[in-house]
Amino acid sequence: MTGPTPLALKVVPPRPNEDRRAVLRDLYVKYGGSVRERCRYLLKDASRAEDAMHDVFARALVHGDSFRAEASPLTWLMKIATHHCLNQLRSEGAAWRKWFARDEAARSEGHGGAEAMETRDLVRKLLARVDAETQAAAIHYHVDGMTLEEVAAVLGRSVPTVRKRLEQFAELGGEELSVR
């Protein structure tokens, strides 16, 4: 029984004169809405879903030769979409984003406004009120983002000692400098 062959990317381009982009264009027309809706379901935002859908098809274009035609092209695209959206959600919760936001808030007046400068000045004044070891612990913990264990190892002190010093420093600075 012969009939129309399903759109496949098993060997992209399947023939020397066929363009990979043309195959992906057909997939985009046929399955773009489904991919966008999967992204929208996972990301809970229409504009982010639209961007994610375009990313999915860009990945499909680059990695088209990885499609083995063991399933339908829609299944393959949905797998790419699901992985892409879950990775995006995972990266949004990454600790580096919090560090980046904290660094952005501490930029100089030209980059973050007067409030950022006031915070920086407050921290400098607080550091001047404590001994050198507490200063080092505070900088390693709050600025460098080290864990209590890492700070203790760098300073050659126990974790409880480092925690105590950081808690004393936090009492000077208030809620923003609390030890986690």
C-alpha atoms as a PDB file:
ATOM      1  CA  MET A   1       0.000   0.000   0.000  1.00  0.00           C
ATOM      2  CA  THR A   2       1.522   3.250  -1.076  1.00  0.00           C
ATOM      3  CA  GLY A   3       0.373   6.675  -0.136  1.00  0.00           C
ATOM      4  CA  PRO A   4       1.765  10.034   0.788  1.00  0.00           C
ATOM      5  CA  THR A   5       4.825   9.687   2.967  1.00  0.00           C
ATOM      6  CA  PRO A   6       4.725  11.470   6.290  1.00  0.00           C
ATOM      7  CA  LEU A   7       6.853  14.551   6.695  1.00  0.00           C
ATOM      8  CA  ALA A   8      10.120  13.222   8.049  1.00  0.00           C
ATOM      9  CA  LEU A   9      13.496  14.634   8.912  1.00  0.00           C
ATOM     10  CA  LYS A  10      15.289  11.301   9.094  1.00  0.00           C
ATOM     11  CA  VAL A  11      17.890  12.531   6.673  1.00  0.00           C
ATOM     12  CA  VAL A  12      17.616  16.281   6.377  1.00  0.00           C
ATOM     13  CA  PRO A  13      17.671  17.258   3.616  1.00  0.00           C
ATOM     14  CA  PRO A  14      16.368  13.921   2.309  1.00  0.00           C
ATOM     15  CA  ARG A  15      17.452  14.696  -1.222  1.00  0.00           C
ATOM     16  CA  PRO A  16      20.296  16.942  -2.314  1.00  0.00           C
ATOM     17  CA  ASN A  17      17.947  19.478  -3.870  1.00  0.00           C
ATOM     18  CA  GLU A  18      15.518  19.662  -0.912  1.00  0.00           C
ATOM     19  CA  ASP A  19      16.168  22.321   1.692  1.00  0.00           C
ATOM     20  CA  ARG A  20      15.981  21.551   5.433  1.00  0.00           C
ATOM     21  CA  ARG A  21      14.305  24.926   5.978  1.00  0.00           C
ATOM     22  CA  ALA A  22      11.471  23.999   3.622  1.00  0.00           C
ATOM     23  CA  VAL A  23      10.786  20.838   5.603  1.00  0.00           C
ATOM     24  CA  LEU A  24      10.822  22.826   8.867  1.00  0.00           C
ATOM     25  CA  ARG A  25       8.583  25.475   7.324  1.00  0.00           C
ATOM     26  CA  ASP A  26       6.022  22.766   6.574  1.00  0.00           C
ATOM     27  CA  LEU A  27       6.317  21.456  10.133  1.00  0.00           C
ATOM     28  CA  TYR A  28       5.910  24.990  11.472  1.00  0.00           C
ATOM     29  CA  VAL A  29       2.728  25.520   9.462  1.00  0.00           C
ATOM     30  CA  LYS A  30       1.337  22.133  10.432  1.00  0.00           C
ATOM     31  CA  TYR A  31       2.392  21.896  14.098  1.00  0.00           C
ATOM     32  CA  GLY A  32       3.297  25.418  15.210  1.00  0.00           C
ATOM     33  CA  GLY A  33       0.003  25.965  17.017  1.00  0.00           C
ATOM     34  CA  SER A  34       0.306  22.729  18.968  1.00  0.00           C
ATOM     35  CA  VAL A  35       3.875  23.480  19.984  1.00  0.00           C
ATOM     36  CA  ARG A  36       2.906  27.008  21.077  1.00  0.00           C
ATOM     37  CA  GLU A  37       0.033  25.662  23.168  1.00  0.00           C
ATOM     38  CA  ARG A  38       2.330  23.143  24.888  1.00  0.00           C
ATOM     39  CA  CYS A  39       4.717  25.997  25.696  1.00  0.00           C
ATOM     40  CA  ARG A  40       1.848  28.155  26.893  1.00  0.00           C
ATOM     41  CA  TYR A  41       0.570  25.374  29.143  1.00  0.00           C
ATOM     42  CA  LEU A  42       3.994  24.921  30.737  1.00  0.00           C
ATOM     43  CA  LEU A  43       5.086  28.568  30.937  1.00  0.00           C
ATOM     44  CA  LYS A  44       1.666  30.059  31.783  1.00  0.00           C
ATOM     45  CA  ASP A  45       2.403  33.136  29.646  1.00  0.00           C
ATOM     46  CA  ALA A  46       1.411  33.741  26.010  1.00  0.00           C
ATOM     47  CA  SER A  47       4.323  35.968  25.010  1.00  0.00           C
ATOM     48  CA  ARG A  48       6.924  33.686  26.606  1.00  0.00           C
ATOM     49  CA  ALA A  49       5.220  30.723  24.918  1.00  0.00           C
ATOM     50  CA  GLU A  50       5.529  32.427  21.539  1.00  0.00           C
ATOM     51  CA  ASP A  51       9.256  32.977  22.099  1.00  0.00           C
ATOM     52  CA  ALA A  52       9.685  29.408  23.306  1.00  0.00           C
ATOM     53  CA  MET A  53       7.896  28.063  20.235  1.00  0.00           C
ATOM     54  CA  HIS A  54      10.344  29.905  17.994  1.00  0.00           C
ATOM     55  CA  ASP A  55      13.233  28.530  20.036  1.00  0.00           C
ATOM     56  CA  VAL A  56      11.846  25.009  19.593  1.00  0.00           C
ATOM     57  CA  PHE A  57      11.750  25.344  15.818  1.00  0.00           C
ATOM     58  CA  ALA A  58      15.213  26.892  15.800  1.00  0.00           C
ATOM     59  CA  ARG A  59      16.486  23.863  17.705  1.00  0.00           C
ATOM     60  CA  ALA A  60      14.659  21.564  15.318  1.00  0.00           C
ATOM     61  CA  LEU A  61      16.350  23.304  12.411  1.00  0.00           C
ATOM     62  CA  VAL A  62      19.796  22.928  13.954  1.00  0.00           C
ATOM     63  CA  HIS A  63      19.285  19.386  15.236  1.00  0.00           C
ATOM     64  CA  GLY A  64      17.045  18.031  12.482  1.00  0.00           C
ATOM     65  CA  ASP A  65      19.370  15.136  11.841  1.00  0.00           C
ATOM     66  CA  SER A  66      18.647  13.796  15.343  1.00  0.00           C
ATOM     67  CA  PHE A  67      15.055  12.994  14.326  1.00  0.00           C
ATOM     68  CA  ARG A  68      15.004   9.231  13.832  1.00  0.00           C
ATOM     69  CA  ALA A  69      11.426   8.974  12.463  1.00  0.00           C
ATOM     70  CA  GLU A  70      10.542   6.435  15.174  1.00  0.00           C
ATOM     71  CA  ALA A  71       7.611   8.662  16.110  1.00  0.00           C
ATOM     72  CA  SER A  72       5.699  11.422  14.402  1.00  0.00           C
ATOM     73  CA  PRO A  73       7.314  14.807  13.867  1.00  0.00           C
ATOM     74  CA  LEU A  74       4.734  16.248  16.289  1.00  0.00           C
ATOM     75  CA  THR A  75       5.929  13.907  19.048  1.00  0.00           C
ATOM     76  CA  TRP A  76       9.522  14.946  18.379  1.00  0.00           C
ATOM     77  CA  LEU A  77       8.638  18.661  18.436  1.00  0.00           C
ATOM     78  CA  MET A  78       6.593  18.252  21.631  1.00  0.00           C
ATOM     79  CA  LYS A  79       9.534  16.550  23.299  1.00  0.00           C
ATOM     80  CA  ILE A  80      11.788  19.454  22.327  1.00  0.00           C
ATOM     81  CA  ALA A  81       9.167  21.951  23.523  1.00  0.00           C
ATOM     82  CA  THR A  82       8.680  20.205  26.859  1.00  0.00           C
ATOM     83  CA  HIS A  83      12.404  19.993  27.564  1.00  0.00           C
ATOM     84  CA  HIS A  84      12.975  23.595  26.488  1.00  0.00           C
ATOM     85  CA  CYS A  85      10.168  24.980  28.681  1.00  0.00           C
ATOM     86  CA  LEU A  86      11.128  22.906  31.711  1.00  0.00           C
ATOM     87  CA  ASN A  87      14.745  24.028  31.363  1.00  0.00           C
ATOM     88  CA  GLN A  88      13.557  27.619  31.134  1.00  0.00           C
ATOM     89  CA  LEU A  89      11.469  27.254  34.302  1.00  0.00           C
ATOM     90  CA  ARG A  90      14.350  25.535  36.082  1.00  0.00           C
ATOM     91  CA  SER A  91      16.792  28.291  35.168  1.00  0.00           C
ATOM     92  CA  GLU A  92      14.400  30.956  36.487  1.00  0.00           C
ATOM     93  CA  GLY A  93      14.712  29.450  39.946  1.00  0.00           C
ATOM     94  CA  ALA A  94      18.494  29.208  39.808  1.00  0.00           C
ATOM     95  CA  ALA A  95      20.483  30.800  42.615  1.00  0.00           C
ATOM     96  CA  TRP A  96      22.603  32.843  40.203  1.00  0.00           C
ATOM     97  CA  ARG A  97      19.525  34.902  39.295  1.00  0.00           C
ATOM     98  CA  LYS A  98      19.173  35.996  42.943  1.00  0.00           C
ATOM     99  CA  TRP A  99      22.864  36.876  43.047  1.00  0.00           C
ATOM    100  CA  PHE A 100      22.496  38.816  39.820  1.00  0.00           C
ATOM    101  CA  ALA A 101      19.518  40.750  41.215  1.00  0.00           C
ATOM    102  CA  ARG A 102      21.460  41.518  44.388  1.00  0.00           C
ATOM    103  CA  ASP A 103      24.454  42.703  42.346  1.00  0.00           C
ATOM    104  CA  GLU A 104      22.190  44.874  40.201  1.00  0.00           C
ATOM    105  CA  ALA A 105      20.773  46.493  43.336  1.00  0.00           C
ATOM    106  CA  ALA A 106      24.295  47.288  44.589  1.00  0.00           C
ATOM    107  CA  ARG A 107      25.453  49.131  41.463  1.00  0.00           C
ATOM    108  CA  SER A 108      26.707  52.680  41.710  1.00  0.00           C
ATOM    109  CA  GLU A 109      24.464  55.728  41.346  1.00  0.00           C
ATOM    110  CA  GLY A 110      24.907  55.840  37.588  1.00  0.00           C
ATOM    111  CA  HIS A 111      23.710  52.263  37.334  1.00  0.00           C
ATOM    112  CA  GLY A 112      21.273  51.761  40.172  1.00  0.00           C
ATOM    113  CA  GLY A 113      20.252  55.050  41.684  1.00  0.00           C
ATOM    114  CA  ALA A 114      20.790  56.717  45.025  1.00  0.00           C
ATOM    115  CA  GLU A 115      19.220  53.876  47.017  1.00  0.00           C
ATOM    116  CA  ALA A 116      21.916  51.441  45.862  1.00  0.00           C
ATOM    117  CA  MET A 117      24.613  53.894  46.903  1.00  0.00           C
ATOM    118  CA  GLU A 118      23.029  54.270  50.341  1.00  0.00           C
ATOM    119  CA  THR A 119      22.991  50.483  50.816  1.00  0.00           C
ATOM    120  CA  ARG A 120      26.631  50.250  49.830  1.00  0.00           C
ATOM    121  CA  ASP A 121      27.592  53.035  52.211  1.00  0.00           C
ATOM    122  CA  LEU A 122      25.662  51.327  55.012  1.00  0.00           C
ATOM    123  CA  VAL A 123      27.519  48.058  54.421  1.00  0.00           C
ATOM    124  CA  ARG A 124      30.870  49.873  54.418  1.00  0.00           C
ATOM    125  CA  LYS A 125      30.012  51.562  57.710  1.00  0.00           C
ATOM    126  CA  LEU A 126      28.903  48.267  59.220  1.00  0.00           C
ATOM    127  CA  LEU A 127      32.095  46.547  58.109  1.00  0.00           C
ATOM    128  CA  ALA A 128      34.133  49.284  59.769  1.00  0.00           C
ATOM    129  CA  ARG A 129      32.423  48.459  63.093  1.00  0.00           C
ATOM    130  CA  VAL A 130      33.563  44.814  63.223  1.00  0.00           C
ATOM    131  CA  ASP A 131      36.897  42.993  63.427  1.00  0.00           C
ATOM    132  CA  ALA A 132      38.820  41.842  60.330  1.00  0.00           C
ATOM    133  CA  GLU A 133      37.749  38.206  60.602  1.00  0.00           C
ATOM    134  CA  THR A 134      34.061  39.133  60.768  1.00  0.00           C
ATOM    135  CA  GLN A 135      34.599  41.463  57.802  1.00  0.00           C
ATOM    136  CA  ALA A 136      36.123  38.611  55.820  1.00  0.00           C
ATOM    137  CA  ALA A 137      33.303  36.250  56.814  1.00  0.00           C
ATOM    138  CA  ALA A 138      30.649  38.806  55.826  1.00  0.00           C
ATOM    139  CA  ILE A 139      32.263  39.492  52.470  1.00  0.00           C
ATOM    140  CA  HIS A 140      32.758  35.824  51.643  1.00  0.00           C
ATOM    141  CA  TYR A 141      29.196  34.988  52.648  1.00  0.00           C
ATOM    142  CA  HIS A 142      27.199  37.994  51.413  1.00  0.00           C
ATOM    143  CA  VAL A 143      29.289  39.138  48.447  1.00  0.00           C
ATOM    144  CA  ASP A 144      31.012  36.002  47.189  1.00  0.00           C
ATOM    145  CA  GLY A 145      27.971  33.829  47.868  1.00  0.00           C
ATOM    146  CA  MET A 146      29.911  31.146  49.725  1.00  0.00           C
ATOM    147  CA  THR A 147      28.171  28.689  52.020  1.00  0.00           C
ATOM    148  CA  LEU A 148      28.832  28.675  55.753  1.00  0.00           C
ATOM    149  CA  GLU A 149      31.001  25.590  55.306  1.00  0.00           C
ATOM    150  CA  GLU A 150      33.083  27.263  52.586  1.00  0.00           C
ATOM    151  CA  VAL A 151      33.573  30.414  54.667  1.00  0.00           C
ATOM    152  CA  ALA A 152      34.602  28.294  57.660  1.00  0.00           C
ATOM    153  CA  ALA A 153      37.147  26.439  55.525  1.00  0.00           C
ATOM    154  CA  VAL A 154      38.614  29.674  54.128  1.00  0.00           C
ATOM    155  CA  LEU A 155      38.887  31.272  57.564  1.00  0.00           C
ATOM    156  CA  GLY A 156      40.035  28.122  59.331  1.00  0.00           C
ATOM    157  CA  ARG A 157      37.153  28.324  61.814  1.00  0.00           C
ATOM    158  CA  SER A 158      34.226  26.101  62.696  1.00  0.00           C
ATOM    159  CA  VAL A 159      30.816  26.573  61.089  1.00  0.00           C
ATOM    160  CA  PRO A 160      29.206  27.590  64.422  1.00  0.00           C
ATOM    161  CA  THR A 161      31.890  30.267  64.911  1.00  0.00           C
ATOM    162  CA  VAL A 162      31.309  31.656  61.433  1.00  0.00           C
ATOM    163  CA  ARG A 163      27.533  31.565  61.932  1.00  0.00           C
ATOM    164  CA  LYS A 164      27.890  33.448  65.233  1.00  0.00           C
ATOM    165  CA  ARG A 165      30.055  36.150  63.615  1.00  0.00           C
ATOM    166  CA  LEU A 166      27.636  36.525  60.710  1.00  0.00           C
ATOM    167  CA  GLU A 167      24.677  36.732  63.067  1.00  0.00           C
ATOM    168  CA  GLN A 168      26.416  39.497  65.041  1.00  0.00           C
ATOM    169  CA  PHE A 169      27.097  41.326  61.786  1.00  0.00           C
ATOM    170  CA  ALA A 170      23.481  40.811  60.711  1.00  0.00           C
ATOM    171  CA  GLU A 171      22.233  42.352  63.969  1.00  0.00           C
ATOM    172  CA  LEU A 172      24.071  45.520  62.998  1.00  0.00           C
ATOM    173  CA  GLY A 173      22.550  45.541  59.501  1.00  0.00           C
ATOM    174  CA  GLY A 174      19.076  44.299  60.150  1.00  0.00           C
ATOM    175  CA  GLU A 175      16.884  41.906  58.182  1.00  0.00           C
ATOM    176  CA  GLU A 176      18.663  42.203  54.808  1.00  0.00           C
ATOM    177  CA  LEU A 177      21.842  40.622  56.150  1.00  0.00           C
ATOM    178  CA  SER A 178      20.309  37.641  57.933  1.00  0.00           C
ATOM    179  CA  VAL A 179      22.141  34.320  57.824  1.00  0.00           C
ATOM    180  CA  ARG A 180      20.321  31.625  55.822  1.00  0.00           C
END
